[in-house]
């Protein structure tokens, strides 16, 4: 993508995420800090913080679980697998149980909502362990919405995707 295409994509994704969060009347979300090859959700995170929405960010653990930290996404470090992670006071894996919306990264998502991540299973384990799971949306580029993705029994579907073109509910 050119710099202008990335800028336009960022604006479109941010607008759709704001629309989704506003429509769901969220007070608290779980989100992630995007890597360089992922859609840039940082402007949305800035918007959410300015709106007073509590943002939980995942912190990878060696045992395959995620801890969480509350923040605005400005302070970051390189996580276990080279992806950016927020810096802050660590909260336990169950801290995510209080959010109204979960925003996850994905390599691709198929038209049934099956999400293919980056192969470590952190989000699948987290979603599978929740007693009551709020809506889960993956953020992807338009070309990453595909007809099918490989899946295993532990893989979890998302409720929808946010792309530069649209919010798609499954």
C-alpha atoms as a PDB file:
ATOM      1  CA  UNK A   1       0.000   0.000   0.000  1.00  0.00           C
ATOM      2  CA  UNK A   2       1.110   3.528  -0.638  1.00  0.00           C
ATOM      3  CA  UNK A   3       1.319   5.970   2.259  1.00  0.00           C
ATOM      4  CA  UNK A   4      -1.902   7.633   1.041  1.00  0.00           C
ATOM      5  CA  UNK A   5      -3.715   4.263   0.788  1.00  0.00           C
ATOM      6  CA  UNK A   6      -2.662   3.385   4.348  1.00  0.00           C
ATOM      7  CA  UNK A   7      -3.830   6.788   5.575  1.00  0.00           C
ATOM      8  CA  UNK A   8      -7.213   6.392   3.884  1.00  0.00           C
ATOM      9  CA  UNK A   9      -7.556   2.820   5.184  1.00  0.00           C
ATOM     10  CA  UNK A  10      -6.776   4.020   8.717  1.00  0.00           C
ATOM     11  CA  UNK A  11      -9.427   6.740   8.490  1.00  0.00           C
ATOM     12  CA  UNK A  12     -12.052   4.282   7.211  1.00  0.00           C
ATOM     13  CA  UNK A  13     -11.292   1.598   9.811  1.00  0.00           C
ATOM     14  CA  UNK A  14     -11.332   4.192  12.595  1.00  0.00           C
ATOM     15  CA  UNK A  15     -14.684   5.569  11.450  1.00  0.00           C
ATOM     16  CA  UNK A  16     -16.196   2.061  11.404  1.00  0.00           C
ATOM     17  CA  UNK A  17     -14.788   1.188  14.833  1.00  0.00           C
ATOM     18  CA  UNK A  18     -16.186   4.427  16.268  1.00  0.00           C
ATOM     19  CA  UNK A  19     -19.567   3.598  14.713  1.00  0.00           C
ATOM     20  CA  UNK A  20     -19.471   0.086  16.190  1.00  0.00           C
ATOM     21  CA  UNK A  21     -18.475   1.280  19.673  1.00  0.00           C
ATOM     22  CA  UNK A  22     -21.089   4.047  19.641  1.00  0.00           C
ATOM     23  CA  UNK A  23     -23.827   1.700  18.417  1.00  0.00           C
ATOM     24  CA  UNK A  24     -23.041  -0.813  21.150  1.00  0.00           C
ATOM     25  CA  UNK A  25     -22.774   1.974  23.754  1.00  0.00           C
ATOM     26  CA  UNK A  26     -19.539   0.514  25.091  1.00  0.00           C
ATOM     27  CA  UNK A  27     -17.974   1.739  28.298  1.00  0.00           C
ATOM     28  CA  UNK A  28     -15.075  -0.701  28.230  1.00  0.00           C
ATOM     29  CA  UNK A  29     -13.286  -2.527  25.425  1.00  0.00           C
ATOM     30  CA  UNK A  30     -10.461  -4.944  24.907  1.00  0.00           C
ATOM     31  CA  UNK A  31      -8.203  -3.990  22.010  1.00  0.00           C
ATOM     32  CA  UNK A  32      -4.630  -4.556  20.838  1.00  0.00           C
ATOM     33  CA  UNK A  33      -1.768  -2.472  19.559  1.00  0.00           C
ATOM     34  CA  UNK A  34      -1.422  -3.170  15.834  1.00  0.00           C
ATOM     35  CA  UNK A  35       1.776  -4.289  14.158  1.00  0.00           C
ATOM     36  CA  UNK A  36       3.059  -2.511  11.057  1.00  0.00           C
ATOM     37  CA  UNK A  37       1.366  -4.916   8.634  1.00  0.00           C
ATOM     38  CA  UNK A  38      -2.038  -4.753  10.347  1.00  0.00           C
ATOM     39  CA  UNK A  39      -4.778  -2.143   9.933  1.00  0.00           C
ATOM     40  CA  UNK A  40      -3.893   0.845  12.091  1.00  0.00           C
ATOM     41  CA  UNK A  41      -6.451   1.127  14.906  1.00  0.00           C
ATOM     42  CA  UNK A  42      -4.450   3.656  16.942  1.00  0.00           C
ATOM     43  CA  UNK A  43      -6.605   6.668  15.943  1.00  0.00           C
ATOM     44  CA  UNK A  44      -9.646   4.714  17.154  1.00  0.00           C
ATOM     45  CA  UNK A  45      -7.867   3.956  20.437  1.00  0.00           C
ATOM     46  CA  UNK A  46      -7.151   7.681  20.843  1.00  0.00           C
ATOM     47  CA  UNK A  47     -10.830   8.434  20.159  1.00  0.00           C
ATOM     48  CA  UNK A  48     -11.990   5.782  22.659  1.00  0.00           C
ATOM     49  CA  UNK A  49      -9.653   7.142  25.329  1.00  0.00           C
ATOM     50  CA  UNK A  50     -10.923  10.695  24.691  1.00  0.00           C
ATOM     51  CA  UNK A  51     -14.499   9.402  25.084  1.00  0.00           C
ATOM     52  CA  UNK A  52     -13.664   7.935  28.504  1.00  0.00           C
ATOM     53  CA  UNK A  53     -13.931   4.342  27.282  1.00  0.00           C
ATOM     54  CA  UNK A  54     -11.793   2.024  29.415  1.00  0.00           C
ATOM     55  CA  UNK A  55      -9.344   0.121  27.209  1.00  0.00           C
ATOM     56  CA  UNK A  56      -7.794  -3.207  28.203  1.00  0.00           C
ATOM     57  CA  UNK A  57      -4.715  -4.296  26.288  1.00  0.00           C
ATOM     58  CA  UNK A  58      -3.389  -7.879  26.213  1.00  0.00           C
ATOM     59  CA  UNK A  59      -0.005  -8.821  27.604  1.00  0.00           C
ATOM     60  CA  UNK A  60       1.329 -12.194  26.372  1.00  0.00           C
ATOM     61  CA  UNK A  61       2.455 -14.738  28.932  1.00  0.00           C
ATOM     62  CA  UNK A  62       4.778 -17.717  28.471  1.00  0.00           C
ATOM     63  CA  UNK A  63       1.999 -20.112  29.524  1.00  0.00           C
ATOM     64  CA  UNK A  64      -0.270 -19.150  26.591  1.00  0.00           C
ATOM     65  CA  UNK A  65      -2.631 -16.963  28.603  1.00  0.00           C
ATOM     66  CA  UNK A  66      -3.113 -13.214  28.388  1.00  0.00           C
ATOM     67  CA  UNK A  67      -2.787 -10.769  31.232  1.00  0.00           C
ATOM     68  CA  UNK A  68      -4.299  -7.327  30.715  1.00  0.00           C
ATOM     69  CA  UNK A  69      -3.432  -3.744  31.418  1.00  0.00           C
ATOM     70  CA  UNK A  70      -5.559  -0.600  31.290  1.00  0.00           C
ATOM     71  CA  UNK A  71      -4.191   2.213  29.202  1.00  0.00           C
ATOM     72  CA  UNK A  72      -4.416   4.567  26.288  1.00  0.00           C
ATOM     73  CA  UNK A  73      -1.972   2.666  24.082  1.00  0.00           C
ATOM     74  CA  UNK A  74       0.698   5.351  24.134  1.00  0.00           C
ATOM     75  CA  UNK A  75       3.229   3.475  26.290  1.00  0.00           C
ATOM     76  CA  UNK A  76       4.395   0.294  24.605  1.00  0.00           C
ATOM     77  CA  UNK A  77       7.137  -2.278  24.426  1.00  0.00           C
ATOM     78  CA  UNK A  78       7.937  -5.272  22.252  1.00  0.00           C
ATOM     79  CA  UNK A  79       6.024  -8.318  23.455  1.00  0.00           C
ATOM     80  CA  UNK A  80       7.081 -11.967  23.563  1.00  0.00           C
ATOM     81  CA  UNK A  81       6.604 -12.462  19.839  1.00  0.00           C
ATOM     82  CA  UNK A  82       7.843  -9.122  18.547  1.00  0.00           C
ATOM     83  CA  UNK A  83       4.418  -7.460  18.436  1.00  0.00           C
ATOM     84  CA  UNK A  84       3.788  -4.192  20.288  1.00  0.00           C
ATOM     85  CA  UNK A  85       2.252  -4.538  23.743  1.00  0.00           C
ATOM     86  CA  UNK A  86       1.025  -1.861  26.125  1.00  0.00           C
ATOM     87  CA  UNK A  87       2.894  -1.116  29.333  1.00  0.00           C
ATOM     88  CA  UNK A  88       1.038  -0.815  32.607  1.00  0.00           C
ATOM     89  CA  UNK A  89      -0.076  -2.472  35.800  1.00  0.00           C
ATOM     90  CA  UNK A  90      -0.782  -6.135  35.133  1.00  0.00           C
ATOM     91  CA  UNK A  91      -4.319  -7.395  35.655  1.00  0.00           C
ATOM     92  CA  UNK A  92      -5.208 -11.079  35.668  1.00  0.00           C
ATOM     93  CA  UNK A  93      -6.580 -13.053  32.706  1.00  0.00           C
ATOM     94  CA  UNK A  94     -10.130 -12.660  34.070  1.00  0.00           C
ATOM     95  CA  UNK A  95     -10.030  -8.855  33.776  1.00  0.00           C
ATOM     96  CA  UNK A  96     -11.428  -9.192  30.245  1.00  0.00           C
ATOM     97  CA  UNK A  97     -14.715 -10.503  31.654  1.00  0.00           C
ATOM     98  CA  UNK A  98     -15.869  -6.929  32.308  1.00  0.00           C
ATOM     99  CA  UNK A  99     -15.584  -5.479  28.774  1.00  0.00           C
ATOM    100  CA  UNK A 100     -18.484  -4.633  26.442  1.00  0.00           C
ATOM    101  CA  UNK A 101     -16.611  -5.296  23.170  1.00  0.00           C
ATOM    102  CA  UNK A 102     -13.542  -7.304  22.209  1.00  0.00           C
ATOM    103  CA  UNK A 103     -11.498  -6.167  19.212  1.00  0.00           C
ATOM    104  CA  UNK A 104      -9.035  -8.788  17.970  1.00  0.00           C
ATOM    105  CA  UNK A 105      -6.397  -8.936  15.265  1.00  0.00           C
ATOM    106  CA  UNK A 106      -6.585 -11.524  12.494  1.00  0.00           C
ATOM    107  CA  UNK A 107      -4.612 -12.735   9.517  1.00  0.00           C
ATOM    108  CA  UNK A 108      -7.926 -13.458   7.793  1.00  0.00           C
ATOM    109  CA  UNK A 109     -11.571 -14.236   8.533  1.00  0.00           C
ATOM    110  CA  UNK A 110     -13.959 -16.307   6.461  1.00  0.00           C
ATOM    111  CA  UNK A 111     -17.576 -15.525   5.661  1.00  0.00           C
ATOM    112  CA  UNK A 112     -18.823 -17.667   8.569  1.00  0.00           C
ATOM    113  CA  UNK A 113     -16.781 -15.674  11.080  1.00  0.00           C
ATOM    114  CA  UNK A 114     -14.002 -18.217  11.513  1.00  0.00           C
ATOM    115  CA  UNK A 115     -10.881 -16.257  12.382  1.00  0.00           C
ATOM    116  CA  UNK A 116      -7.366 -17.247  11.525  1.00  0.00           C
ATOM    117  CA  UNK A 117      -4.891 -15.561  13.824  1.00  0.00           C
ATOM    118  CA  UNK A 118      -1.130 -15.688  13.903  1.00  0.00           C
ATOM    119  CA  UNK A 119      -0.885 -19.262  15.159  1.00  0.00           C
ATOM    120  CA  UNK A 120      -0.330 -18.943  18.888  1.00  0.00           C
ATOM    121  CA  UNK A 121      -3.949 -19.391  20.066  1.00  0.00           C
ATOM    122  CA  UNK A 122      -3.932 -16.668  22.733  1.00  0.00           C
ATOM    123  CA  UNK A 123      -7.246 -15.128  21.736  1.00  0.00           C
ATOM    124  CA  UNK A 124      -8.921 -18.500  21.086  1.00  0.00           C
ATOM    125  CA  UNK A 125      -7.984 -19.647  24.610  1.00  0.00           C
ATOM    126  CA  UNK A 126      -9.183 -16.367  26.090  1.00  0.00           C
ATOM    127  CA  UNK A 127     -12.514 -16.399  24.254  1.00  0.00           C
ATOM    128  CA  UNK A 128     -13.028 -20.083  25.021  1.00  0.00           C
ATOM    129  CA  UNK A 129     -12.535 -19.514  28.740  1.00  0.00           C
ATOM    130  CA  UNK A 130     -15.073 -16.703  29.120  1.00  0.00           C
ATOM    131  CA  UNK A 131     -18.378 -17.465  30.834  1.00  0.00           C
ATOM    132  CA  UNK A 132     -20.186 -14.646  29.072  1.00  0.00           C
ATOM    133  CA  UNK A 133     -18.464 -13.300  25.999  1.00  0.00           C
ATOM    134  CA  UNK A 134     -19.370  -9.844  24.642  1.00  0.00           C
ATOM    135  CA  UNK A 135     -19.358  -9.218  20.874  1.00  0.00           C
ATOM    136  CA  UNK A 136     -15.997  -9.991  19.259  1.00  0.00           C
ATOM    137  CA  UNK A 137     -14.909  -8.176  16.086  1.00  0.00           C
ATOM    138  CA  UNK A 138     -11.736  -8.732  14.083  1.00  0.00           C
ATOM    139  CA  UNK A 139     -10.126  -5.840  12.239  1.00  0.00           C
ATOM    140  CA  UNK A 140      -8.828  -6.786   8.807  1.00  0.00           C
ATOM    141  CA  UNK A 141      -8.129  -5.361   5.382  1.00  0.00           C
ATOM    142  CA  UNK A 142     -10.860  -6.000   2.789  1.00  0.00           C
ATOM    143  CA  UNK A 143      -8.741  -8.595   0.964  1.00  0.00           C
ATOM    144  CA  UNK A 144      -8.433 -10.622   4.207  1.00  0.00           C
ATOM    145  CA  UNK A 145     -12.149 -11.496   4.233  1.00  0.00           C
ATOM    146  CA  UNK A 146     -12.047 -14.823   2.404  1.00  0.00           C
ATOM    147  CA  UNK A 147     -14.340 -17.722   1.538  1.00  0.00           C
ATOM    148  CA  UNK A 148     -12.807 -20.136   4.046  1.00  0.00           C
ATOM    149  CA  UNK A 149      -9.923 -20.527   6.468  1.00  0.00           C
ATOM    150  CA  UNK A 150      -8.535 -23.703   8.018  1.00  0.00           C
ATOM    151  CA  UNK A 151      -9.794 -24.297  11.524  1.00  0.00           C
ATOM    152  CA  UNK A 152      -9.421 -26.654  14.438  1.00  0.00           C
ATOM    153  CA  UNK A 153     -11.838 -27.580  17.210  1.00  0.00           C
ATOM    154  CA  UNK A 154     -10.438 -24.949  19.637  1.00  0.00           C
ATOM    155  CA  UNK A 155     -10.750 -22.056  17.141  1.00  0.00           C
ATOM    156  CA  UNK A 156     -13.419 -19.465  17.930  1.00  0.00           C
ATOM    157  CA  UNK A 157     -15.616 -17.528  15.527  1.00  0.00           C
ATOM    158  CA  UNK A 158     -15.963 -13.765  15.700  1.00  0.00           C
ATOM    159  CA  UNK A 159     -19.299 -11.939  15.622  1.00  0.00           C
ATOM    160  CA  UNK A 160     -18.128  -9.660  12.850  1.00  0.00           C
ATOM    161  CA  UNK A 161     -15.301  -7.889  11.102  1.00  0.00           C
ATOM    162  CA  UNK A 162     -14.381  -4.269  10.654  1.00  0.00           C
ATOM    163  CA  UNK A 163     -12.737  -3.515   7.323  1.00  0.00           C
ATOM    164  CA  UNK A 164     -12.012  -0.254   5.548  1.00  0.00           C
ATOM    165  CA  UNK A 165     -15.181  -0.831   3.489  1.00  0.00           C
ATOM    166  CA  UNK A 166     -17.692  -1.929   6.116  1.00  0.00           C
ATOM    167  CA  UNK A 167     -18.739  -3.426   9.403  1.00  0.00           C
ATOM    168  CA  UNK A 168     -19.838  -6.976   8.594  1.00  0.00           C
ATOM    169  CA  UNK A 169     -21.870  -8.958  11.127  1.00  0.00           C
ATOM    170  CA  UNK A 170     -22.015 -12.748  11.045  1.00  0.00           C
END
